PDB file of N, CA and C in Angstrom:
ATOM      1  N   MET A   1      -2.614   8.475 -31.511  1.00  0.00           N
ATOM      2  CA  MET A   1      -2.918   8.524 -30.087  1.00  0.00           C
ATOM      3  C   MET A   1      -3.778   9.758 -29.832  1.00  0.00           C
ATOM      4  N   LYS A   2      -4.908   9.553 -29.200  1.00  0.00           N
ATOM      5  CA  LYS A   2      -5.846  10.639 -28.931  1.00  0.00           C
ATOM      6  C   LYS A   2      -5.599  11.200 -27.535  1.00  0.00           C
ATOM      7  N   ILE A   3      -5.355  12.510 -27.463  1.00  0.00           N
ATOM      8  CA  ILE A   3      -5.054  13.142 -26.176  1.00  0.00           C
ATOM      9  C   ILE A   3      -6.337  13.504 -25.446  1.00  0.00           C
ATOM     10  N   GLY A   4      -7.302  14.087 -26.104  1.00  0.00           N
ATOM     11  CA  GLY A   4      -8.566  14.451 -25.478  1.00  0.00           C
ATOM     12  C   GLY A   4      -8.505  15.815 -24.822  1.00  0.00           C
ATOM     13  N   ASN A   5      -9.647  16.237 -24.335  1.00  0.00           N
ATOM     14  CA  ASN A   5      -9.784  17.542 -23.715  1.00  0.00           C
ATOM     15  C   ASN A   5      -9.351  17.452 -22.246  1.00  0.00           C
ATOM     16  N   PRO A   6      -8.350  18.221 -21.823  1.00  0.00           N
ATOM     17  CA  PRO A   6      -7.884  18.137 -20.430  1.00  0.00           C
ATOM     18  C   PRO A   6      -8.959  18.522 -19.416  1.00  0.00           C
ATOM     19  N   VAL A   7      -9.826  19.484 -19.769  1.00  0.00           N
ATOM     20  CA  VAL A   7     -10.886  19.903 -18.843  1.00  0.00           C
ATOM     21  C   VAL A   7     -11.877  18.762 -18.648  1.00  0.00           C
ATOM     22  N   MET A   8     -12.210  18.070 -19.736  1.00  0.00           N
ATOM     23  CA  MET A   8     -13.153  16.951 -19.643  1.00  0.00           C
ATOM     24  C   MET A   8     -12.545  15.804 -18.826  1.00  0.00           C
ATOM     25  N   LYS A   9     -11.247  15.559 -19.019  1.00  0.00           N
ATOM     26  CA  LYS A   9     -10.586  14.512 -18.235  1.00  0.00           C
ATOM     27  C   LYS A   9     -10.604  14.852 -16.750  1.00  0.00           C
ATOM     28  N   MET A  10     -10.398  16.123 -16.419  1.00  0.00           N
ATOM     29  CA  MET A  10     -10.404  16.553 -15.023  1.00  0.00           C
ATOM     30  C   MET A  10     -11.795  16.388 -14.418  1.00  0.00           C
ATOM     31  N   LYS A  11     -12.840  16.745 -15.175  1.00  0.00           N
ATOM     32  CA  LYS A  11     -14.211  16.579 -14.678  1.00  0.00           C
ATOM     33  C   LYS A  11     -14.528  15.111 -14.438  1.00  0.00           C
ATOM     34  N   THR A  12     -14.096  14.253 -15.357  1.00  0.00           N
ATOM     35  CA  THR A  12     -14.325  12.817 -15.196  1.00  0.00           C
ATOM     36  C   THR A  12     -13.595  12.295 -13.961  1.00  0.00           C
ATOM     37  N   PHE A  13     -12.365  12.733 -13.771  1.00  0.00           N
ATOM     38  CA  PHE A  13     -11.588  12.303 -12.610  1.00  0.00           C
ATOM     39  C   PHE A  13     -12.255  12.742 -11.311  1.00  0.00           C
ATOM     40  N   ILE A  14     -12.726  13.979 -11.258  1.00  0.00           N
ATOM     41  CA  ILE A  14     -13.385  14.488 -10.050  1.00  0.00           C
ATOM     42  C   ILE A  14     -14.670  13.717  -9.780  1.00  0.00           C
ATOM     43  N   THR A  15     -15.427  13.413 -10.836  1.00  0.00           N
ATOM     44  CA  THR A  15     -16.655  12.630 -10.676  1.00  0.00           C
ATOM     45  C   THR A  15     -16.347  11.245 -10.114  1.00  0.00           C
ATOM     46  N   GLN A  16     -15.305  10.604 -10.628  1.00  0.00           N
ATOM     47  CA  GLN A  16     -14.928   9.280 -10.134  1.00  0.00           C
ATOM     48  C   GLN A  16     -14.457   9.347  -8.681  1.00  0.00           C
ATOM     49  N   CYS A  17     -13.732  10.394  -8.322  1.00  0.00           N
ATOM     50  CA  CYS A  17     -13.288  10.556  -6.929  1.00  0.00           C
ATOM     51  C   CYS A  17     -14.474  10.733  -5.995  1.00  0.00           C
ATOM     52  N   LYS A  18     -15.459  11.520  -6.401  1.00  0.00           N
ATOM     53  CA  LYS A  18     -16.661  11.715  -5.581  1.00  0.00           C
ATOM     54  C   LYS A  18     -17.386  10.392  -5.374  1.00  0.00           C
ATOM     55  N   ARG A  19     -17.476   9.590  -6.433  1.00  0.00           N
ATOM     56  CA  ARG A  19     -18.157   8.299  -6.344  1.00  0.00           C
ATOM     57  C   ARG A  19     -17.448   7.388  -5.350  1.00  0.00           C
ATOM     58  N   VAL A  20     -16.134   7.355  -5.394  1.00  0.00           N
ATOM     59  CA  VAL A  20     -15.367   6.516  -4.464  1.00  0.00           C
ATOM     60  C   VAL A  20     -15.563   6.990  -3.031  1.00  0.00           C
ATOM     61  N   LEU A  21     -15.533   8.305  -2.812  1.00  0.00           N
ATOM     62  CA  LEU A  21     -15.702   8.835  -1.459  1.00  0.00           C
ATOM     63  C   LEU A  21     -17.103   8.571  -0.911  1.00  0.00           C
ATOM     64  N   MET A  22     -18.114   8.550  -1.771  1.00  0.00           N
ATOM     65  CA  MET A  22     -19.478   8.274  -1.309  1.00  0.00           C
ATOM     66  C   MET A  22     -19.638   6.808  -0.922  1.00  0.00           C
ATOM     67  N   VAL A  23     -18.960   5.906  -1.629  1.00  0.00           N
ATOM     68  CA  VAL A  23     -19.096   4.476  -1.361  1.00  0.00           C
ATOM     69  C   VAL A  23     -18.252   4.055  -0.164  1.00  0.00           C
ATOM     70  N   SER A  24     -17.097   4.680   0.014  1.00  0.00           N
ATOM     71  CA  SER A  24     -16.192   4.266   1.087  1.00  0.00           C
ATOM     72  C   SER A  24     -16.729   4.692   2.450  1.00  0.00           C
ATOM     73  N   SER A  25     -16.254   3.987   3.461  1.00  0.00           N
ATOM     74  CA  SER A  25     -16.672   4.312   4.826  1.00  0.00           C
ATOM     75  C   SER A  25     -15.477   4.152   5.765  1.00  0.00           C
ATOM     76  N   LYS A  26     -15.576   4.781   6.909  1.00  0.00           N
ATOM     77  CA  LYS A  26     -14.515   4.699   7.908  1.00  0.00           C
ATOM     78  C   LYS A  26     -14.547   3.299   8.527  1.00  0.00           C
ATOM     79  N   PRO A  27     -13.389   2.643   8.651  1.00  0.00           N
ATOM     80  CA  PRO A  27     -13.388   1.302   9.239  1.00  0.00           C
ATOM     81  C   PRO A  27     -13.720   1.354  10.731  1.00  0.00           C
ATOM     82  N   ASP A  28     -14.399   0.299  11.192  1.00  0.00           N
ATOM     83  CA  ASP A  28     -14.665   0.240  12.624  1.00  0.00           C
ATOM     84  C   ASP A  28     -13.398  -0.233  13.342  1.00  0.00           C
ATOM     85  N   LYS A  29     -13.457  -0.291  14.658  1.00  0.00           N
ATOM     86  CA  LYS A  29     -12.263  -0.597  15.449  1.00  0.00           C
ATOM     87  C   LYS A  29     -11.713  -1.986  15.136  1.00  0.00           C
ATOM     88  N   ASP A  30     -12.591  -2.978  15.000  1.00  0.00           N
ATOM     89  CA  ASP A  30     -12.127  -4.338  14.721  1.00  0.00           C
ATOM     90  C   ASP A  30     -11.433  -4.426  13.361  1.00  0.00           C
ATOM     91  N   GLU A  31     -12.023  -3.790  12.358  1.00  0.00           N
ATOM     92  CA  GLU A  31     -11.429  -3.811  11.025  1.00  0.00           C
ATOM     93  C   GLU A  31     -10.069  -3.099  11.017  1.00  0.00           C
ATOM     94  N   PHE A  32      -9.981  -1.983  11.721  1.00  0.00           N
ATOM     95  CA  PHE A  32      -8.710  -1.257  11.804  1.00  0.00           C
ATOM     96  C   PHE A  32      -7.656  -2.087  12.529  1.00  0.00           C
ATOM     97  N   ASP A  33      -8.038  -2.717  13.641  1.00  0.00           N
ATOM     98  CA  ASP A  33      -7.094  -3.548  14.395  1.00  0.00           C
ATOM     99  C   ASP A  33      -6.583  -4.706  13.548  1.00  0.00           C
ATOM    100  N   GLN A  34      -7.480  -5.317  12.766  1.00  0.00           N
ATOM    101  CA  GLN A  34      -7.081  -6.430  11.917  1.00  0.00           C
ATOM    102  C   GLN A  34      -6.097  -5.962  10.833  1.00  0.00           C
ATOM    103  N   ALA A  35      -6.373  -4.837  10.207  1.00  0.00           N
ATOM    104  CA  ALA A  35      -5.469  -4.308   9.181  1.00  0.00           C
ATOM    105  C   ALA A  35      -4.117  -3.940   9.787  1.00  0.00           C
ATOM    106  N   ALA A  36      -4.125  -3.344  10.977  1.00  0.00           N
ATOM    107  CA  ALA A  36      -2.872  -2.979  11.639  1.00  0.00           C
ATOM    108  C   ALA A  36      -2.069  -4.225  12.009  1.00  0.00           C
ATOM    109  N   LYS A  37      -2.758  -5.265  12.458  1.00  0.00           N
ATOM    110  CA  LYS A  37      -2.083  -6.506  12.837  1.00  0.00           C
ATOM    111  C   LYS A  37      -1.412  -7.147  11.619  1.00  0.00           C
ATOM    112  N   PHE A  38      -2.135  -7.231  10.497  1.00  0.00           N
ATOM    113  CA  PHE A  38      -1.559  -7.826   9.293  1.00  0.00           C
ATOM    114  C   PHE A  38      -0.396  -6.992   8.754  1.00  0.00           C
ATOM    115  N   THR A  39      -0.509  -5.685   8.852  1.00  0.00           N
ATOM    116  CA  THR A  39       0.580  -4.813   8.412  1.00  0.00           C
ATOM    117  C   THR A  39       1.816  -5.024   9.275  1.00  0.00           C
ATOM    118  N   ALA A  40       1.630  -5.120  10.582  1.00  0.00           N
ATOM    119  CA  ALA A  40       2.757  -5.342  11.493  1.00  0.00           C
ATOM    120  C   ALA A  40       3.399  -6.704  11.246  1.00  0.00           C
ATOM    121  N   ILE A  41       2.580  -7.730  11.054  1.00  0.00           N
ATOM    122  CA  ILE A  41       3.118  -9.071  10.791  1.00  0.00           C
ATOM    123  C   ILE A  41       3.916  -9.074   9.493  1.00  0.00           C
ATOM    124  N   GLY A  42       3.392  -8.435   8.454  1.00  0.00           N
ATOM    125  CA  GLY A  42       4.107  -8.357   7.179  1.00  0.00           C
ATOM    126  C   GLY A  42       5.423  -7.625   7.305  1.00  0.00           C
ATOM    127  N   THR A  43       5.429  -6.538   8.060  1.00  0.00           N
ATOM    128  CA  THR A  43       6.664  -5.778   8.266  1.00  0.00           C
ATOM    129  C   THR A  43       7.703  -6.617   8.999  1.00  0.00           C
ATOM    130  N   VAL A  44       7.279  -7.333  10.022  1.00  0.00           N
ATOM    131  CA  VAL A  44       8.206  -8.182  10.781  1.00  0.00           C
ATOM    132  C   VAL A  44       8.772  -9.285   9.892  1.00  0.00           C
ATOM    133  N   ILE A  45       7.931  -9.897   9.066  1.00  0.00           N
ATOM    134  CA  ILE A  45       8.401 -10.972   8.181  1.00  0.00           C
ATOM    135  C   ILE A  45       9.431 -10.438   7.188  1.00  0.00           C
ATOM    136  N   ILE A  46       9.160  -9.289   6.584  1.00  0.00           N
ATOM    137  CA  ILE A  46      10.097  -8.711   5.616  1.00  0.00           C
ATOM    138  C   ILE A  46      11.415  -8.342   6.296  1.00  0.00           C
ATOM    139  N   CYS A  47      11.343  -7.794   7.507  1.00  0.00           N
ATOM    140  CA  CYS A  47      12.567  -7.454   8.246  1.00  0.00           C
ATOM    141  C   CYS A  47      13.365  -8.699   8.596  1.00  0.00           C
ATOM    142  N   MET A  48      12.682  -9.766   8.982  1.00  0.00           N
ATOM    143  CA  MET A  48      13.375 -11.010   9.313  1.00  0.00           C
ATOM    144  C   MET A  48      14.081 -11.579   8.088  1.00  0.00           C
ATOM    145  N   ILE A  49      13.426 -11.536   6.938  1.00  0.00           N
ATOM    146  CA  ILE A  49      14.050 -12.031   5.710  1.00  0.00           C
ATOM    147  C   ILE A  49      15.302 -11.209   5.390  1.00  0.00           C
ATOM    148  N   GLY A  50      15.198  -9.895   5.508  1.00  0.00           N
ATOM    149  CA  GLY A  50      16.357  -9.040   5.262  1.00  0.00           C
ATOM    150  C   GLY A  50      17.491  -9.317   6.234  1.00  0.00           C
ATOM    151  N   PHE A  51      17.154  -9.533   7.495  1.00  0.00           N
ATOM    152  CA  PHE A  51      18.182  -9.825   8.501  1.00  0.00           C
ATOM    153  C   PHE A  51      18.861 -11.159   8.218  1.00  0.00           C
ATOM    154  N   ILE A  52      18.080 -12.158   7.828  1.00  0.00           N
ATOM    155  CA  ILE A  52      18.654 -13.472   7.502  1.00  0.00           C
ATOM    156  C   ILE A  52      19.596 -13.354   6.307  1.00  0.00           C
ATOM    157  N   ILE A  53      19.196 -12.600   5.289  1.00  0.00           N
ATOM    158  CA  ILE A  53      20.071 -12.400   4.130  1.00  0.00           C
ATOM    159  C   ILE A  53      21.352 -11.681   4.556  1.00  0.00           C
ATOM    160  N   PHE A  54      21.232 -10.699   5.436  1.00  0.00           N
ATOM    161  CA  PHE A  54      22.410  -9.973   5.933  1.00  0.00           C
ATOM    162  C   PHE A  54      23.349 -10.910   6.691  1.00  0.00           C
ATOM    163  N   ILE A  55      22.803 -11.761   7.548  1.00  0.00           N
ATOM    164  CA  ILE A  55      23.629 -12.707   8.317  1.00  0.00           C
ATOM    165  C   ILE A  55      24.334 -13.676   7.377  1.00  0.00           C
ATOM    166  N   ILE A  56      23.616 -14.181   6.374  1.00  0.00           N
ATOM    167  CA  ILE A  56      24.233 -15.102   5.410  1.00  0.00           C
ATOM    168  C   ILE A  56      25.360 -14.398   4.664  1.00  0.00           C
ATOM    169  N   ALA A  57      25.143 -13.147   4.277  1.00  0.00           N
ATOM    170  CA  ALA A  57      26.189 -12.394   3.577  1.00  0.00           C
ATOM    171  C   ALA A  57      27.401 -12.183   4.479  1.00  0.00           C
ATOM    172  N   MET A  58      27.172 -11.941   5.765  1.00  0.00           N
ATOM    173  CA  MET A  58      28.300 -11.770   6.692  1.00  0.00           C
ATOM    174  C   MET A  58      29.067 -13.077   6.859  1.00  0.00           C
ATOM    175  N   LEU A  59      28.347 -14.199   6.929  1.00  0.00           N
ATOM    176  CA  LEU A  59      29.012 -15.493   7.084  1.00  0.00           C
ATOM    177  C   LEU A  59      29.832 -15.848   5.849  1.00  0.00           C
ATOM    178  N   ILE A  60      29.337 -15.488   4.694  1.00  0.00           N
ATOM    179  CA  ILE A  60      30.077 -15.754   3.462  1.00  0.00           C
ATOM    180  C   ILE A  60      31.294 -14.842   3.375  1.00  0.00           C
ATOM    181  N   GLY A  61      31.184 -13.671   3.975  1.00  0.00           N
ATOM    182  CA  GLY A  61      32.310 -12.738   3.971  1.00  0.00           C
ATOM    183  C   GLY A  61      32.125 -11.612   2.979  1.00  0.00           C
ATOM    184  N   GLY A  62      30.916 -11.412   2.532  1.00  0.00           N
ATOM    185  CA  GLY A  62      30.659 -10.375   1.546  1.00  0.00           C
ATOM    186  C   GLY A  62      30.544  -8.991   2.138  1.00  0.00           C
ATOM    187  N   VAL A  63      30.221  -8.902   3.431  1.00  0.00           N
ATOM    188  CA  VAL A  63      30.033  -7.578   4.031  1.00  0.00           C
ATOM    189  C   VAL A  63      31.090  -7.334   5.073  1.00  0.00           C
TER     190      VAL A  63
END
């Protein structure tokens, strides 16, 4: 297993981070609203699934 030079790995990592930051851009309002909406919907769905499992466990008598 080759470990490599830690300084060279750090330089490569910094170069890759700079490249990502140059390509990325701040989302506009519509894109942000859409991402927030999907995140909220996903959170609600996961919470509902957890609540349903909790209710089923209570009905069975496990909790």
